[in-house]
């Protein structure tokens, strides 16, 4: 579908020359996009479609997706197991914020590890 409709739409909006640039950028940073997105409440379809469009490695995409999605649901299961009903109401209201803060902490941890250590 990309070869027919996708390319036509990209060229129609004047982004044809930027596709290769985006492929290079995504080849370098796609792992980070997939890891961060796996924890956030933004629809995962966006990363899936983008990864396919930019020809990201399918085995690597599947591995990273399993890691992040699995970790997200495992964290939720642990919280519910240990804290039960009281935490359920909080998670229903604030789970997106919880995940966002977790992602920020992980990114800061990587930044500190690469720049200060």
PDB file of N, CA and C in Angstrom:
ATOM      1  N   UNK A   1       0.819  -1.180   0.000  1.00  0.00           N
ATOM      2  CA  UNK A   1       0.000   0.000   0.000  1.00  0.00           C
ATOM      3  C   UNK A   1       0.877   1.264   0.000  1.00  0.00           C
ATOM      4  N   UNK A   2       2.032   1.188   0.687  1.00  0.00           N
ATOM      5  CA  UNK A   2       2.922   2.347   0.714  1.00  0.00           C
ATOM      6  C   UNK A   2       3.421   2.683  -0.681  1.00  0.00           C
ATOM      7  N   UNK A   3       3.729   1.652  -1.456  1.00  0.00           N
ATOM      8  CA  UNK A   3       4.270   1.874  -2.799  1.00  0.00           C
ATOM      9  C   UNK A   3       3.278   2.598  -3.703  1.00  0.00           C
ATOM     10  N   UNK A   4       2.002   2.458  -3.452  1.00  0.00           N
ATOM     11  CA  UNK A   4       1.008   3.105  -4.312  1.00  0.00           C
ATOM     12  C   UNK A   4       0.458   4.377  -3.672  1.00  0.00           C
ATOM     13  N   UNK A   5      -0.376   4.225  -2.693  1.00  0.00           N
ATOM     14  CA  UNK A   5      -1.047   5.367  -2.072  1.00  0.00           C
ATOM     15  C   UNK A   5      -0.102   6.161  -1.174  1.00  0.00           C
ATOM     16  N   UNK A   6       0.711   5.466  -0.387  1.00  0.00           N
ATOM     17  CA  UNK A   6       1.594   6.136   0.564  1.00  0.00           C
ATOM     18  C   UNK A   6       2.567   7.095  -0.095  1.00  0.00           C
ATOM     19  N   UNK A   7       3.270   6.620  -1.113  1.00  0.00           N
ATOM     20  CA  UNK A   7       4.234   7.483  -1.812  1.00  0.00           C
ATOM     21  C   UNK A   7       3.534   8.665  -2.467  1.00  0.00           C
ATOM     22  N   UNK A   8       2.382   8.420  -3.039  1.00  0.00           N
ATOM     23  CA  UNK A   8       1.639   9.497  -3.687  1.00  0.00           C
ATOM     24  C   UNK A   8       1.278  10.584  -2.677  1.00  0.00           C
ATOM     25  N   UNK A   9       0.779  10.174  -1.501  1.00  0.00           N
ATOM     26  CA  UNK A   9       0.416  11.149  -0.468  1.00  0.00           C
ATOM     27  C   UNK A   9       1.632  11.920   0.043  1.00  0.00           C
ATOM     28  N   UNK A  10       2.727  11.225   0.237  1.00  0.00           N
ATOM     29  CA  UNK A  10       3.946  11.883   0.724  1.00  0.00           C
ATOM     30  C   UNK A  10       4.424  12.924  -0.275  1.00  0.00           C
ATOM     31  N   UNK A  11       4.433  12.579  -1.542  1.00  0.00           N
ATOM     32  CA  UNK A  11       4.862  13.534  -2.572  1.00  0.00           C
ATOM     33  C   UNK A  11       3.840  14.662  -2.748  1.00  0.00           C
ATOM     34  N   UNK A  12       2.572  14.354  -2.575  1.00  0.00           N
ATOM     35  CA  UNK A  12       1.531  15.370  -2.688  1.00  0.00           C
ATOM     36  C   UNK A  12       1.742  16.494  -1.669  1.00  0.00           C
ATOM     37  N   UNK A  13       2.149  16.122  -0.455  1.00  0.00           N
ATOM     38  CA  UNK A  13       2.374  17.118   0.593  1.00  0.00           C
ATOM     39  C   UNK A  13       3.803  17.650   0.614  1.00  0.00           C
ATOM     40  N   UNK A  14       4.631  17.227  -0.332  1.00  0.00           N
ATOM     41  CA  UNK A  14       5.976  17.779  -0.457  1.00  0.00           C
ATOM     42  C   UNK A  14       7.013  17.205   0.486  1.00  0.00           C
ATOM     43  N   UNK A  15       6.769  16.010   1.006  1.00  0.00           N
ATOM     44  CA  UNK A  15       7.723  15.410   1.936  1.00  0.00           C
ATOM     45  C   UNK A  15       8.516  14.260   1.318  1.00  0.00           C
ATOM     46  N   UNK A  16       8.500  14.121   0.032  1.00  0.00           N
ATOM     47  CA  UNK A  16       9.170  13.007  -0.625  1.00  0.00           C
ATOM     48  C   UNK A  16      10.652  12.925  -0.328  1.00  0.00           C
ATOM     49  N   UNK A  17      11.332  14.055  -0.313  1.00  0.00           N
ATOM     50  CA  UNK A  17      12.775  14.071  -0.081  1.00  0.00           C
ATOM     51  C   UNK A  17      13.123  13.759   1.375  1.00  0.00           C
ATOM     52  N   UNK A  18      12.188  13.910   2.264  1.00  0.00           N
ATOM     53  CA  UNK A  18      12.468  13.718   3.690  1.00  0.00           C
ATOM     54  C   UNK A  18      12.273  12.277   4.155  1.00  0.00           C
ATOM     55  N   UNK A  19      11.722  11.419   3.317  1.00  0.00           N
ATOM     56  CA  UNK A  19      11.481  10.035   3.724  1.00  0.00           C
ATOM     57  C   UNK A  19      12.797   9.331   4.030  1.00  0.00           C
ATOM     58  N   UNK A  20      13.803   9.499   3.163  1.00  0.00           N
ATOM     59  CA  UNK A  20      15.095   8.860   3.408  1.00  0.00           C
ATOM     60  C   UNK A  20      15.749   9.407   4.677  1.00  0.00           C
ATOM     61  N   UNK A  21      15.614  10.704   4.886  1.00  0.00           N
ATOM     62  CA  UNK A  21      16.148  11.328   6.104  1.00  0.00           C
ATOM     63  C   UNK A  21      15.476  10.736   7.349  1.00  0.00           C
ATOM     64  N   UNK A  22      14.168  10.561   7.272  1.00  0.00           N
ATOM     65  CA  UNK A  22      13.432   9.972   8.392  1.00  0.00           C
ATOM     66  C   UNK A  22      13.824   8.511   8.610  1.00  0.00           C
ATOM     67  N   UNK A  23      14.057   7.775   7.524  1.00  0.00           N
ATOM     68  CA  UNK A  23      14.483   6.377   7.657  1.00  0.00           C
ATOM     69  C   UNK A  23      15.806   6.288   8.403  1.00  0.00           C
ATOM     70  N   UNK A  24      16.752   7.164   8.056  1.00  0.00           N
ATOM     71  CA  UNK A  24      18.051   7.169   8.735  1.00  0.00           C
ATOM     72  C   UNK A  24      17.889   7.520  10.209  1.00  0.00           C
ATOM     73  N   UNK A  25      17.097   8.524  10.478  1.00  0.00           N
ATOM     74  CA  UNK A  25      16.872   8.952  11.854  1.00  0.00           C
ATOM     75  C   UNK A  25      16.184   7.851  12.664  1.00  0.00           C
ATOM     76  N   UNK A  26      15.207   7.198  12.056  1.00  0.00           N
ATOM     77  CA  UNK A  26      14.474   6.138  12.754  1.00  0.00           C
ATOM     78  C   UNK A  26      15.334   4.894  12.919  1.00  0.00           C
ATOM     79  N   UNK A  27      16.230   4.635  11.956  1.00  0.00           N
ATOM     80  CA  UNK A  27      17.142   3.499  12.094  1.00  0.00           C
ATOM     81  C   UNK A  27      18.053   3.704  13.301  1.00  0.00           C
ATOM     82  N   UNK A  28      18.414   4.955  13.554  1.00  0.00           N
ATOM     83  CA  UNK A  28      19.300   5.267  14.677  1.00  0.00           C
ATOM     84  C   UNK A  28      18.544   5.324  16.008  1.00  0.00           C
ATOM     85  N   UNK A  29      17.365   5.930  16.029  1.00  0.00           N
ATOM     86  CA  UNK A  29      16.644   6.184  17.275  1.00  0.00           C
ATOM     87  C   UNK A  29      15.321   5.430  17.408  1.00  0.00           C
ATOM     88  N   UNK A  30      15.010   4.558  16.469  1.00  0.00           N
ATOM     89  CA  UNK A  30      13.745   3.831  16.531  1.00  0.00           C
ATOM     90  C   UNK A  30      13.586   3.014  17.800  1.00  0.00           C
ATOM     91  N   UNK A  31      14.684   2.426  18.268  1.00  0.00           N
ATOM     92  CA  UNK A  31      14.626   1.633  19.499  1.00  0.00           C
ATOM     93  C   UNK A  31      14.120   2.480  20.668  1.00  0.00           C
ATOM     94  N   UNK A  32      14.578   3.736  20.744  1.00  0.00           N
ATOM     95  CA  UNK A  32      14.158   4.613  21.841  1.00  0.00           C
ATOM     96  C   UNK A  32      12.684   4.980  21.701  1.00  0.00           C
ATOM     97  N   UNK A  33      12.257   5.231  20.475  1.00  0.00           N
ATOM     98  CA  UNK A  33      10.848   5.570  20.234  1.00  0.00           C
ATOM     99  C   UNK A  33       9.957   4.406  20.662  1.00  0.00           C
ATOM    100  N   UNK A  34      10.334   3.199  20.283  1.00  0.00           N
ATOM    101  CA  UNK A  34       9.530   2.020  20.613  1.00  0.00           C
ATOM    102  C   UNK A  34       9.518   1.779  22.122  1.00  0.00           C
ATOM    103  N   UNK A  35      10.677   1.906  22.775  1.00  0.00           N
ATOM    104  CA  UNK A  35      10.736   1.687  24.218  1.00  0.00           C
ATOM    105  C   UNK A  35       9.907   2.710  24.984  1.00  0.00           C
ATOM    106  N   UNK A  36      10.050   3.979  24.625  1.00  0.00           N
ATOM    107  CA  UNK A  36       9.292   5.019  25.322  1.00  0.00           C
ATOM    108  C   UNK A  36       7.803   4.872  25.041  1.00  0.00           C
ATOM    109  N   UNK A  37       7.458   4.650  23.802  1.00  0.00           N
ATOM    110  CA  UNK A  37       6.051   4.545  23.423  1.00  0.00           C
ATOM    111  C   UNK A  37       5.385   3.330  24.045  1.00  0.00           C
ATOM    112  N   UNK A  38       6.143   2.286  24.251  1.00  0.00           N
ATOM    113  CA  UNK A  38       5.570   1.086  24.850  1.00  0.00           C
ATOM    114  C   UNK A  38       5.012   1.315  26.240  1.00  0.00           C
ATOM    115  N   UNK A  39       5.506   2.338  26.934  1.00  0.00           N
ATOM    116  CA  UNK A  39       5.046   2.628  28.288  1.00  0.00           C
ATOM    117  C   UNK A  39       3.985   3.715  28.360  1.00  0.00           C
ATOM    118  N   UNK A  40       3.793   4.447  27.288  1.00  0.00           N
ATOM    119  CA  UNK A  40       2.868   5.576  27.338  1.00  0.00           C
ATOM    120  C   UNK A  40       1.479   5.178  26.841  1.00  0.00           C
ATOM    121  N   UNK A  41       0.466   5.958  27.200  1.00  0.00           N
ATOM    122  CA  UNK A  41      -0.901   5.614  26.795  1.00  0.00           C
ATOM    123  C   UNK A  41      -1.268   6.029  25.368  1.00  0.00           C
ATOM    124  N   UNK A  42      -0.329   6.599  24.620  1.00  0.00           N
ATOM    125  CA  UNK A  42      -0.591   6.958  23.222  1.00  0.00           C
ATOM    126  C   UNK A  42      -0.786   5.657  22.443  1.00  0.00           C
ATOM    127  N   UNK A  43      -1.733   5.596  21.518  1.00  0.00           N
ATOM    128  CA  UNK A  43      -1.981   4.343  20.786  1.00  0.00           C
ATOM    129  C   UNK A  43      -0.716   3.773  20.136  1.00  0.00           C
ATOM    130  N   UNK A  44      -0.455   2.509  20.417  1.00  0.00           N
ATOM    131  CA  UNK A  44       0.751   1.843  19.918  1.00  0.00           C
ATOM    132  C   UNK A  44       0.710   1.679  18.402  1.00  0.00           C
ATOM    133  N   UNK A  45      -0.473   1.807  17.807  1.00  0.00           N
ATOM    134  CA  UNK A  45      -0.607   1.699  16.351  1.00  0.00           C
ATOM    135  C   UNK A  45       0.273   2.717  15.637  1.00  0.00           C
ATOM    136  N   UNK A  46       0.437   3.901  16.232  1.00  0.00           N
ATOM    137  CA  UNK A  46       1.256   4.942  15.606  1.00  0.00           C
ATOM    138  C   UNK A  46       2.693   4.479  15.418  1.00  0.00           C
ATOM    139  N   UNK A  47       3.254   3.836  16.435  1.00  0.00           N
ATOM    140  CA  UNK A  47       4.624   3.337  16.338  1.00  0.00           C
ATOM    141  C   UNK A  47       4.685   2.157  15.378  1.00  0.00           C
ATOM    142  N   UNK A  48       3.678   1.316  15.408  1.00  0.00           N
ATOM    143  CA  UNK A  48       3.645   0.158  14.516  1.00  0.00           C
ATOM    144  C   UNK A  48       3.629   0.597  13.056  1.00  0.00           C
ATOM    145  N   UNK A  49       2.768   1.532  12.729  1.00  0.00           N
ATOM    146  CA  UNK A  49       2.671   2.025  11.351  1.00  0.00           C
ATOM    147  C   UNK A  49       3.947   2.749  10.945  1.00  0.00           C
ATOM    148  N   UNK A  50       4.475   3.585  11.833  1.00  0.00           N
ATOM    149  CA  UNK A  50       5.707   4.316  11.536  1.00  0.00           C
ATOM    150  C   UNK A  50       6.868   3.360  11.326  1.00  0.00           C
ATOM    151  N   UNK A  51       6.975   2.341  12.155  1.00  0.00           N
ATOM    152  CA  UNK A  51       8.059   1.370  12.020  1.00  0.00           C
ATOM    153  C   UNK A  51       7.967   0.632  10.690  1.00  0.00           C
ATOM    154  N   UNK A  52       6.770   0.282  10.280  1.00  0.00           N
ATOM    155  CA  UNK A  52       6.600  -0.372   8.984  1.00  0.00           C
ATOM    156  C   UNK A  52       6.899   0.559   7.830  1.00  0.00           C
ATOM    157  N   UNK A  53       6.413   1.781   7.918  1.00  0.00           N
ATOM    158  CA  UNK A  53       6.635   2.778   6.872  1.00  0.00           C
ATOM    159  C   UNK A  53       8.120   3.054   6.671  1.00  0.00           C
ATOM    160  N   UNK A  54       8.860   3.120   7.776  1.00  0.00           N
ATOM    161  CA  UNK A  54      10.279   3.459   7.695  1.00  0.00           C
ATOM    162  C   UNK A  54      11.177   2.228   7.654  1.00  0.00           C
ATOM    163  N   UNK A  55      10.582   1.060   7.400  1.00  0.00           N
ATOM    164  CA  UNK A  55      11.304  -0.200   7.197  1.00  0.00           C
ATOM    165  C   UNK A  55      12.209  -0.546   8.372  1.00  0.00           C
ATOM    166  N   UNK A  56      11.691  -0.397   9.590  1.00  0.00           N
ATOM    167  CA  UNK A  56      12.464  -0.759  10.778  1.00  0.00           C
ATOM    168  C   UNK A  56      12.544  -2.278  10.872  1.00  0.00           C
ATOM    169  N   UNK A  57      13.591  -2.789  11.451  1.00  0.00           N
ATOM    170  CA  UNK A  57      13.803  -4.231  11.585  1.00  0.00           C
ATOM    171  C   UNK A  57      12.625  -4.885  12.323  1.00  0.00           C
ATOM    172  N   UNK A  58      11.958  -5.817  11.658  1.00  0.00           N
ATOM    173  CA  UNK A  58      10.798  -6.476  12.264  1.00  0.00           C
ATOM    174  C   UNK A  58      11.170  -7.281  13.511  1.00  0.00           C
ATOM    175  N   UNK A  59      12.230  -8.106  13.476  1.00  0.00           N
ATOM    176  CA  UNK A  59      12.573  -8.846  14.702  1.00  0.00           C
ATOM    177  C   UNK A  59      12.894  -7.921  15.884  1.00  0.00           C
ATOM    178  N   UNK A  60      13.610  -6.832  15.618  1.00  0.00           N
ATOM    179  CA  UNK A  60      13.938  -5.892  16.687  1.00  0.00           C
ATOM    180  C   UNK A  60      12.678  -5.188  17.190  1.00  0.00           C
ATOM    181  N   UNK A  61      11.796  -4.832  16.273  1.00  0.00           N
ATOM    182  CA  UNK A  61      10.527  -4.200  16.662  1.00  0.00           C
ATOM    183  C   UNK A  61       9.716  -5.126  17.565  1.00  0.00           C
ATOM    184  N   UNK A  62       9.616  -6.390  17.183  1.00  0.00           N
ATOM    185  CA  UNK A  62       8.845  -7.356  17.976  1.00  0.00           C
ATOM    186  C   UNK A  62       9.479  -7.534  19.356  1.00  0.00           C
ATOM    187  N   UNK A  63      10.798  -7.662  19.406  1.00  0.00           N
ATOM    188  CA  UNK A  63      11.492  -7.835  20.681  1.00  0.00           C
ATOM    189  C   UNK A  63      11.278  -6.633  21.606  1.00  0.00           C
ATOM    190  N   UNK A  64      11.483  -5.435  21.080  1.00  0.00           N
ATOM    191  CA  UNK A  64      11.304  -4.226  21.886  1.00  0.00           C
ATOM    192  C   UNK A  64       9.853  -4.053  22.326  1.00  0.00           C
ATOM    193  N   UNK A  65       8.930  -4.383  21.442  1.00  0.00           N
ATOM    194  CA  UNK A  65       7.507  -4.279  21.785  1.00  0.00           C
ATOM    195  C   UNK A  65       7.139  -5.244  22.903  1.00  0.00           C
ATOM    196  N   UNK A  66       7.628  -6.470  22.805  1.00  0.00           N
ATOM    197  CA  UNK A  66       7.351  -7.450  23.858  1.00  0.00           C
ATOM    198  C   UNK A  66       7.926  -6.999  25.196  1.00  0.00           C
ATOM    199  N   UNK A  67       9.131  -6.438  25.157  1.00  0.00           N
ATOM    200  CA  UNK A  67       9.764  -5.966  26.394  1.00  0.00           C
ATOM    201  C   UNK A  67       8.948  -4.853  27.044  1.00  0.00           C
ATOM    202  N   UNK A  68       8.615  -3.834  26.264  1.00  0.00           N
ATOM    203  CA  UNK A  68       7.952  -2.675  26.863  1.00  0.00           C
ATOM    204  C   UNK A  68       6.501  -2.957  27.224  1.00  0.00           C
ATOM    205  N   UNK A  69       5.792  -3.588  26.341  1.00  0.00           N
ATOM    206  CA  UNK A  69       4.383  -3.867  26.643  1.00  0.00           C
ATOM    207  C   UNK A  69       4.284  -4.862  27.791  1.00  0.00           C
ATOM    208  N   UNK A  70       5.155  -5.861  27.777  1.00  0.00           N
ATOM    209  CA  UNK A  70       5.174  -6.826  28.876  1.00  0.00           C
ATOM    210  C   UNK A  70       5.506  -6.172  30.203  1.00  0.00           C
ATOM    211  N   UNK A  71       6.507  -5.297  30.206  1.00  0.00           N
ATOM    212  CA  UNK A  71       6.899  -4.600  31.436  1.00  0.00           C
ATOM    213  C   UNK A  71       5.770  -3.708  31.940  1.00  0.00           C
ATOM    214  N   UNK A  72       5.091  -3.065  31.013  1.00  0.00           N
ATOM    215  CA  UNK A  72       3.980  -2.185  31.417  1.00  0.00           C
ATOM    216  C   UNK A  72       2.885  -2.975  32.129  1.00  0.00           C
ATOM    217  N   UNK A  73       2.475  -4.088  31.540  1.00  0.00           N
ATOM    218  CA  UNK A  73       1.390  -4.860  32.130  1.00  0.00           C
ATOM    219  C   UNK A  73       1.848  -5.631  33.368  1.00  0.00           C
ATOM    220  N   UNK A  74       3.125  -6.014  33.408  1.00  0.00           N
ATOM    221  CA  UNK A  74       3.668  -6.669  34.593  1.00  0.00           C
ATOM    222  C   UNK A  74       3.685  -5.695  35.773  1.00  0.00           C
ATOM    223  N   UNK A  75       4.087  -4.442  35.520  1.00  0.00           N
ATOM    224  CA  UNK A  75       4.087  -3.420  36.573  1.00  0.00           C
ATOM    225  C   UNK A  75       2.668  -3.196  37.098  1.00  0.00           C
ATOM    226  N   UNK A  76       1.719  -3.135  36.199  1.00  0.00           N
ATOM    227  CA  UNK A  76       0.321  -2.963  36.595  1.00  0.00           C
ATOM    228  C   UNK A  76      -0.152  -4.147  37.438  1.00  0.00           C
ATOM    229  N   UNK A  77       0.194  -5.359  37.015  1.00  0.00           N
ATOM    230  CA  UNK A  77      -0.211  -6.555  37.756  1.00  0.00           C
ATOM    231  C   UNK A  77       0.412  -6.583  39.151  1.00  0.00           C
ATOM    232  N   UNK A  78       1.689  -6.199  39.257  1.00  0.00           N
ATOM    233  CA  UNK A  78       2.341  -6.171  40.570  1.00  0.00           C
ATOM    234  C   UNK A  78       1.689  -5.155  41.505  1.00  0.00           C
ATOM    235  N   UNK A  79       1.404  -3.977  40.975  1.00  0.00           N
ATOM    236  CA  UNK A  79       0.753  -2.959  41.800  1.00  0.00           C
ATOM    237  C   UNK A  79      -0.604  -3.446  42.304  1.00  0.00           C
ATOM    238  N   UNK A  80      -1.368  -4.076  41.421  1.00  0.00           N
ATOM    239  CA  UNK A  80      -2.688  -4.572  41.823  1.00  0.00           C
ATOM    240  C   UNK A  80      -2.581  -5.734  42.809  1.00  0.00           C
ATOM    241  N   UNK A  81      -1.568  -6.581  42.627  1.00  0.00           N
ATOM    242  CA  UNK A  81      -1.402  -7.718  43.530  1.00  0.00           C
ATOM    243  C   UNK A  81      -1.060  -7.250  44.942  1.00  0.00           C
ATOM    244  N   UNK A  82      -0.145  -6.307  45.049  1.00  0.00           N
ATOM    245  CA  UNK A  82       0.331  -5.902  46.372  1.00  0.00           C
ATOM    246  C   UNK A  82      -0.534  -4.845  47.055  1.00  0.00           C
ATOM    247  N   UNK A  83      -1.232  -4.030  46.277  1.00  0.00           N
ATOM    248  CA  UNK A  83      -2.005  -2.952  46.893  1.00  0.00           C
ATOM    249  C   UNK A  83      -3.512  -3.092  46.697  1.00  0.00           C
ATOM    250  N   UNK A  84      -3.933  -3.968  45.804  1.00  0.00           N
ATOM    251  CA  UNK A  84      -5.346  -4.283  45.640  1.00  0.00           C
ATOM    252  C   UNK A  84      -6.240  -3.127  45.231  1.00  0.00           C
ATOM    253  N   UNK A  85      -7.452  -3.124  45.788  1.00  0.00           N
ATOM    254  CA  UNK A  85      -8.475  -2.134  45.430  1.00  0.00           C
ATOM    255  C   UNK A  85      -8.062  -0.685  45.658  1.00  0.00           C
ATOM    256  N   UNK A  86      -7.375  -0.368  46.758  1.00  0.00           N
ATOM    257  CA  UNK A  86      -7.027   1.048  46.964  1.00  0.00           C
ATOM    258  C   UNK A  86      -6.198   1.636  45.817  1.00  0.00           C
ATOM    259  N   UNK A  87      -5.286   0.841  45.276  1.00  0.00           N
ATOM    260  CA  UNK A  87      -4.440   1.364  44.198  1.00  0.00           C
ATOM    261  C   UNK A  87      -5.183   1.365  42.867  1.00  0.00           C
ATOM    262  N   UNK A  88      -6.205   0.509  42.741  1.00  0.00           N
ATOM    263  CA  UNK A  88      -6.938   0.422  41.475  1.00  0.00           C
ATOM    264  C   UNK A  88      -7.585   1.755  41.108  1.00  0.00           C
ATOM    265  N   UNK A  89      -8.205   2.402  42.066  1.00  0.00           N
ATOM    266  CA  UNK A  89      -8.837   3.699  41.793  1.00  0.00           C
ATOM    267  C   UNK A  89      -7.807   4.746  41.381  1.00  0.00           C
ATOM    268  N   UNK A  90      -6.670   4.750  42.066  1.00  0.00           N
ATOM    269  CA  UNK A  90      -5.603   5.693  41.706  1.00  0.00           C
ATOM    270  C   UNK A  90      -5.071   5.421  40.303  1.00  0.00           C
ATOM    271  N   UNK A  91      -4.875   4.147  39.987  1.00  0.00           N
ATOM    272  CA  UNK A  91      -4.369   3.794  38.660  1.00  0.00           C
ATOM    273  C   UNK A  91      -5.367   4.152  37.568  1.00  0.00           C
ATOM    274  N   UNK A  92      -6.642   3.957  37.846  1.00  0.00           N
ATOM    275  CA  UNK A  92      -7.653   4.319  36.851  1.00  0.00           C
ATOM    276  C   UNK A  92      -7.581   5.800  36.509  1.00  0.00           C
ATOM    277  N   UNK A  93      -7.300   6.615  37.509  1.00  0.00           N
ATOM    278  CA  UNK A  93      -7.250   8.064  37.284  1.00  0.00           C
ATOM    279  C   UNK A  93      -5.883   8.556  36.830  1.00  0.00           C
ATOM    280  N   UNK A  94      -4.810   7.945  37.343  1.00  0.00           N
ATOM    281  CA  UNK A  94      -3.484   8.528  37.143  1.00  0.00           C
ATOM    282  C   UNK A  94      -2.469   7.605  36.468  1.00  0.00           C
ATOM    283  N   UNK A  95      -2.896   6.512  35.856  1.00  0.00           N
ATOM    284  CA  UNK A  95      -1.936   5.562  35.278  1.00  0.00           C
ATOM    285  C   UNK A  95      -1.107   6.202  34.171  1.00  0.00           C
ATOM    286  N   UNK A  96      -1.723   7.037  33.357  1.00  0.00           N
ATOM    287  CA  UNK A  96      -0.975   7.705  32.284  1.00  0.00           C
ATOM    288  C   UNK A  96       0.127   8.584  32.871  1.00  0.00           C
ATOM    289  N   UNK A  97      -0.182   9.307  33.930  1.00  0.00           N
ATOM    290  CA  UNK A  97       0.829  10.153  34.582  1.00  0.00           C
ATOM    291  C   UNK A  97       1.928   9.302  35.209  1.00  0.00           C
ATOM    292  N   UNK A  98       1.535   8.204  35.830  1.00  0.00           N
ATOM    293  CA  UNK A  98       2.500   7.286  36.429  1.00  0.00           C
ATOM    294  C   UNK A  98       3.488   6.788  35.379  1.00  0.00           C
ATOM    295  N   UNK A  99       2.965   6.375  34.231  1.00  0.00           N
ATOM    296  CA  UNK A  99       3.834   5.877  33.167  1.00  0.00           C
ATOM    297  C   UNK A  99       4.710   6.983  32.595  1.00  0.00           C
ATOM    298  N   UNK A 100       4.165   8.168  32.443  1.00  0.00           N
ATOM    299  CA  UNK A 100       4.949   9.291  31.938  1.00  0.00           C
ATOM    300  C   UNK A 100       6.113   9.615  32.878  1.00  0.00           C
ATOM    301  N   UNK A 101       5.854   9.639  34.162  1.00  0.00           N
ATOM    302  CA  UNK A 101       6.917   9.893  35.136  1.00  0.00           C
ATOM    303  C   UNK A 101       7.955   8.777  35.096  1.00  0.00           C
ATOM    304  N   UNK A 102       7.505   7.540  34.956  1.00  0.00           N
ATOM    305  CA  UNK A 102       8.425   6.411  34.856  1.00  0.00           C
ATOM    306  C   UNK A 102       9.324   6.543  33.633  1.00  0.00           C
ATOM    307  N   UNK A 103       8.759   6.922  32.498  1.00  0.00           N
ATOM    308  CA  UNK A 103       9.546   7.111  31.275  1.00  0.00           C
ATOM    309  C   UNK A 103      10.564   8.230  31.466  1.00  0.00           C
ATOM    310  N   UNK A 104      10.159   9.322  32.088  1.00  0.00           N
ATOM    311  CA  UNK A 104      11.081  10.436  32.331  1.00  0.00           C
ATOM    312  C   UNK A 104      12.230   9.991  33.232  1.00  0.00           C
ATOM    313  N   UNK A 105      11.934   9.214  34.254  1.00  0.00           N
ATOM    314  CA  UNK A 105      12.979   8.714  35.146  1.00  0.00           C
ATOM    315  C   UNK A 105      13.951   7.819  34.392  1.00  0.00           C
ATOM    316  N   UNK A 106      13.438   6.946  33.540  1.00  0.00           N
ATOM    317  CA  UNK A 106      14.309   6.060  32.759  1.00  0.00           C
ATOM    318  C   UNK A 106      15.189   6.865  31.808  1.00  0.00           C
ATOM    319  N   UNK A 107      14.616   7.843  31.119  1.00  0.00           N
ATOM    320  CA  UNK A 107      15.392   8.678  30.199  1.00  0.00           C
ATOM    321  C   UNK A 107      16.458   9.454  30.961  1.00  0.00           C
ATOM    322  N   UNK A 108      16.099  10.025  32.102  1.00  0.00           N
ATOM    323  CA  UNK A 108      17.086  10.733  32.924  1.00  0.00           C
ATOM    324  C   UNK A 108      18.191   9.791  33.389  1.00  0.00           C
ATOM    325  N   UNK A 109      17.819   8.584  33.747  1.00  0.00           N
ATOM    326  CA  UNK A 109      18.816   7.593  34.153  1.00  0.00           C
ATOM    327  C   UNK A 109      19.803   7.295  33.042  1.00  0.00           C
ATOM    328  N   UNK A 110      19.295   7.106  31.821  1.00  0.00           N
ATOM    329  CA  UNK A 110      20.186   6.876  30.681  1.00  0.00           C
ATOM    330  C   UNK A 110      21.072   8.085  30.433  1.00  0.00           C
ATOM    331  N   UNK A 111      20.501   9.276  30.523  1.00  0.00           N
ATOM    332  CA  UNK A 111      21.274  10.495  30.290  1.00  0.00           C
ATOM    333  C   UNK A 111      22.370  10.642  31.337  1.00  0.00           C
ATOM    334  N   UNK A 112      22.035  10.423  32.593  1.00  0.00           N
ATOM    335  CA  UNK A 112      23.033  10.517  33.663  1.00  0.00           C
ATOM    336  C   UNK A 112      24.127   9.476  33.466  1.00  0.00           C
ATOM    337  N   UNK A 113      23.727   8.262  33.107  1.00  0.00           N
ATOM    338  CA  UNK A 113      24.711   7.196  32.907  1.00  0.00           C
ATOM    339  C   UNK A 113      25.664   7.496  31.757  1.00  0.00           C
ATOM    340  N   UNK A 114      25.187   8.150  30.715  1.00  0.00           N
ATOM    341  CA  UNK A 114      26.049   8.420  29.560  1.00  0.00           C
ATOM    342  C   UNK A 114      26.827   9.720  29.682  1.00  0.00           C
ATOM    343  N   UNK A 115      26.335  10.682  30.446  1.00  0.00           N
ATOM    344  CA  UNK A 115      26.996  11.980  30.516  1.00  0.00           C
ATOM    345  C   UNK A 115      27.772  12.232  31.800  1.00  0.00           C
ATOM    346  N   UNK A 116      27.384  11.632  32.879  1.00  0.00           N
ATOM    347  CA  UNK A 116      28.016  11.942  34.154  1.00  0.00           C
ATOM    348  C   UNK A 116      28.881  10.818  34.708  1.00  0.00           C
ATOM    349  N   UNK A 117      28.767   9.643  34.144  1.00  0.00           N
ATOM    350  CA  UNK A 117      29.548   8.509  34.660  1.00  0.00           C
ATOM    351  C   UNK A 117      30.742   8.268  33.783  1.00  0.00           C
TER     352      UNK A 117
END
